[in-house]
Amino acid sequence: MKIDKDIKIGELLEMAPEKAEILLDAGMHCLGCPASQAETIEEACEVHGINVDELVEKLNK
């Protein structure tokens, strides 16, 4: 599975729940929030001040 910045967090976690740890380590502690489930990785990164390209790279390793 190739992860990009446009994938929704809920979709990512449904397909690859093990990726939650990477998101939490990056500072996204709101993974259980209903609003976060509909956000894209890029949108969440903007809110949290995280570099989206670096995070996507980590998620794809």
N, C-alpha and C. Protein backbone atom coordinates (compact mmCIF):
# COMPACT_ATOMS: atom_id res chain seq x y z
N MET A 1 0.84 -1.18 0.00
CA MET A 1 0.00 0.00 0.00
C MET A 1 0.89 1.25 0.00
N LYS A 2 0.65 2.13 -0.93
CA LYS A 2 1.38 3.40 -1.02
C LYS A 2 0.55 4.47 -0.32
N ILE A 3 1.16 5.10 0.66
CA ILE A 3 0.49 6.15 1.44
C ILE A 3 0.90 7.50 0.88
N ASP A 4 -0.09 8.37 0.67
CA ASP A 4 0.22 9.73 0.24
C ASP A 4 -0.47 10.72 1.16
N LYS A 5 -0.20 12.00 0.96
CA LYS A 5 -0.70 13.03 1.87
C LYS A 5 -2.21 13.24 1.78
N ASP A 6 -2.85 12.67 0.75
CA ASP A 6 -4.29 12.86 0.57
C ASP A 6 -5.14 11.76 1.20
N ILE A 7 -4.51 10.74 1.77
CA ILE A 7 -5.28 9.67 2.40
C ILE A 7 -5.88 10.19 3.71
N LYS A 8 -7.10 9.80 3.97
CA LYS A 8 -7.75 10.21 5.22
C LYS A 8 -7.20 9.35 6.37
N ILE A 9 -7.09 9.97 7.52
CA ILE A 9 -6.52 9.28 8.68
C ILE A 9 -7.34 8.04 9.03
N GLY A 10 -8.66 8.16 9.00
CA GLY A 10 -9.52 7.01 9.29
C GLY A 10 -9.29 5.87 8.32
N GLU A 11 -9.13 6.19 7.05
CA GLU A 11 -8.88 5.18 6.02
C GLU A 11 -7.53 4.51 6.24
N LEU A 12 -6.52 5.31 6.55
CA LEU A 12 -5.19 4.76 6.82
C LEU A 12 -5.21 3.80 8.00
N LEU A 13 -5.85 4.21 9.09
CA LEU A 13 -5.86 3.38 10.29
C LEU A 13 -6.69 2.12 10.12
N GLU A 14 -7.70 2.20 9.25
CA GLU A 14 -8.50 1.01 8.97
C GLU A 14 -7.68 -0.02 8.18
N MET A 15 -6.90 0.47 7.23
CA MET A 15 -6.11 -0.42 6.38
C MET A 15 -4.80 -0.84 7.03
N ALA A 16 -4.23 0.02 7.87
CA ALA A 16 -2.92 -0.27 8.48
C ALA A 16 -2.88 0.28 9.91
N PRO A 17 -3.58 -0.37 10.84
CA PRO A 17 -3.65 0.14 12.22
C PRO A 17 -2.29 0.29 12.90
N GLU A 18 -1.31 -0.46 12.43
CA GLU A 18 0.03 -0.36 13.03
C GLU A 18 0.68 0.99 12.77
N LYS A 19 0.16 1.77 11.84
CA LYS A 19 0.71 3.09 11.53
C LYS A 19 0.33 4.13 12.58
N ALA A 20 -0.60 3.81 13.45
CA ALA A 20 -1.03 4.74 14.50
C ALA A 20 0.15 5.17 15.36
N GLU A 21 1.04 4.26 15.65
CA GLU A 21 2.20 4.58 16.49
C GLU A 21 3.06 5.68 15.85
N ILE A 22 3.22 5.64 14.54
CA ILE A 22 4.01 6.66 13.84
C ILE A 22 3.31 8.02 13.95
N LEU A 23 1.98 8.01 13.78
CA LEU A 23 1.22 9.26 13.89
C LEU A 23 1.30 9.83 15.31
N LEU A 24 1.18 8.95 16.29
CA LEU A 24 1.26 9.40 17.69
C LEU A 24 2.65 9.95 18.00
N ASP A 25 3.69 9.27 17.54
CA ASP A 25 5.06 9.73 17.76
C ASP A 25 5.31 11.09 17.11
N ALA A 26 4.60 11.37 16.00
CA ALA A 26 4.76 12.64 15.30
C ALA A 26 4.04 13.78 16.01
N GLY A 27 3.16 13.45 16.98
CA GLY A 27 2.45 14.48 17.73
C GLY A 27 0.96 14.54 17.47
N MET A 28 0.43 13.59 16.72
CA MET A 28 -1.01 13.54 16.46
C MET A 28 -1.67 12.67 17.52
N HIS A 29 -2.05 13.30 18.62
CA HIS A 29 -2.62 12.56 19.74
C HIS A 29 -4.14 12.53 19.71
N CYS A 30 -4.73 12.96 18.61
CA CYS A 30 -6.20 13.04 18.53
C CYS A 30 -6.75 11.99 17.57
N LEU A 31 -6.11 10.86 17.46
CA LEU A 31 -6.53 9.85 16.49
C LEU A 31 -7.92 9.29 16.76
N GLY A 32 -8.36 9.35 17.99
CA GLY A 32 -9.69 8.85 18.34
C GLY A 32 -10.79 9.87 18.12
N CYS A 33 -10.43 11.08 17.84
CA CYS A 33 -11.40 12.15 17.64
C CYS A 33 -12.16 11.90 16.33
N PRO A 34 -13.48 11.99 16.35
CA PRO A 34 -14.25 11.76 15.12
C PRO A 34 -13.83 12.67 13.96
N ALA A 35 -13.49 13.91 14.25
CA ALA A 35 -13.10 14.84 13.18
C ALA A 35 -11.81 14.39 12.50
N SER A 36 -10.89 13.82 13.26
CA SER A 36 -9.61 13.41 12.68
C SER A 36 -9.79 12.27 11.68
N GLN A 37 -10.82 11.49 11.84
CA GLN A 37 -11.05 10.36 10.95
C GLN A 37 -11.32 10.80 9.51
N ALA A 38 -11.86 12.01 9.35
CA ALA A 38 -12.20 12.52 8.02
C ALA A 38 -11.13 13.47 7.47
N GLU A 39 -10.11 13.77 8.28
CA GLU A 39 -9.02 14.64 7.83
C GLU A 39 -8.01 13.86 7.01
N THR A 40 -7.41 14.54 6.04
CA THR A 40 -6.30 13.92 5.32
C THR A 40 -5.04 14.09 6.17
N ILE A 41 -4.03 13.32 5.83
CA ILE A 41 -2.75 13.46 6.53
C ILE A 41 -2.23 14.88 6.38
N GLU A 42 -2.37 15.44 5.18
CA GLU A 42 -1.89 16.79 4.94
C GLU A 42 -2.62 17.81 5.83
N GLU A 43 -3.94 17.69 5.94
CA GLU A 43 -4.71 18.62 6.78
C GLU A 43 -4.29 18.50 8.25
N ALA A 44 -4.12 17.28 8.72
CA ALA A 44 -3.71 17.07 10.11
C ALA A 44 -2.31 17.63 10.36
N CYS A 45 -1.42 17.47 9.40
CA CYS A 45 -0.07 18.00 9.55
C CYS A 45 -0.09 19.52 9.65
N GLU A 46 -0.94 20.16 8.86
CA GLU A 46 -1.04 21.62 8.91
C GLU A 46 -1.48 22.07 10.30
N VAL A 47 -2.47 21.40 10.86
CA VAL A 47 -3.00 21.75 12.19
C VAL A 47 -1.94 21.56 13.27
N HIS A 48 -1.15 20.50 13.14
CA HIS A 48 -0.18 20.15 14.18
C HIS A 48 1.23 20.67 13.92
N GLY A 49 1.42 21.37 12.81
CA GLY A 49 2.75 21.92 12.51
C GLY A 49 3.78 20.86 12.19
N ILE A 50 3.36 19.82 11.50
CA ILE A 50 4.23 18.69 11.16
C ILE A 50 4.55 18.75 9.67
N ASN A 51 5.78 18.43 9.31
CA ASN A 51 6.17 18.39 7.90
C ASN A 51 5.53 17.16 7.26
N VAL A 52 4.60 17.40 6.34
CA VAL A 52 3.84 16.31 5.73
C VAL A 52 4.72 15.37 4.91
N ASP A 53 5.70 15.90 4.21
CA ASP A 53 6.55 15.05 3.38
C ASP A 53 7.37 14.08 4.23
N GLU A 54 7.89 14.57 5.35
CA GLU A 54 8.68 13.71 6.25
C GLU A 54 7.79 12.61 6.86
N LEU A 55 6.57 12.99 7.25
CA LEU A 55 5.67 12.02 7.86
C LEU A 55 5.26 10.95 6.85
N VAL A 56 4.93 11.36 5.64
CA VAL A 56 4.54 10.39 4.61
C VAL A 56 5.69 9.42 4.32
N GLU A 57 6.91 9.97 4.31
CA GLU A 57 8.08 9.11 4.09
C GLU A 57 8.19 8.05 5.20
N LYS A 58 8.00 8.47 6.45
CA LYS A 58 8.06 7.51 7.57
C LYS A 58 6.96 6.48 7.47
N LEU A 59 5.76 6.91 7.08
CA LEU A 59 4.63 6.00 6.97
C LEU A 59 4.83 4.95 5.87
N ASN A 60 5.59 5.30 4.86
CA ASN A 60 5.82 4.38 3.75
C ASN A 60 7.02 3.46 3.95
N LYS A 61 7.78 3.64 5.03
CA LYS A 61 8.92 2.75 5.28
C LYS A 61 8.46 1.42 5.80
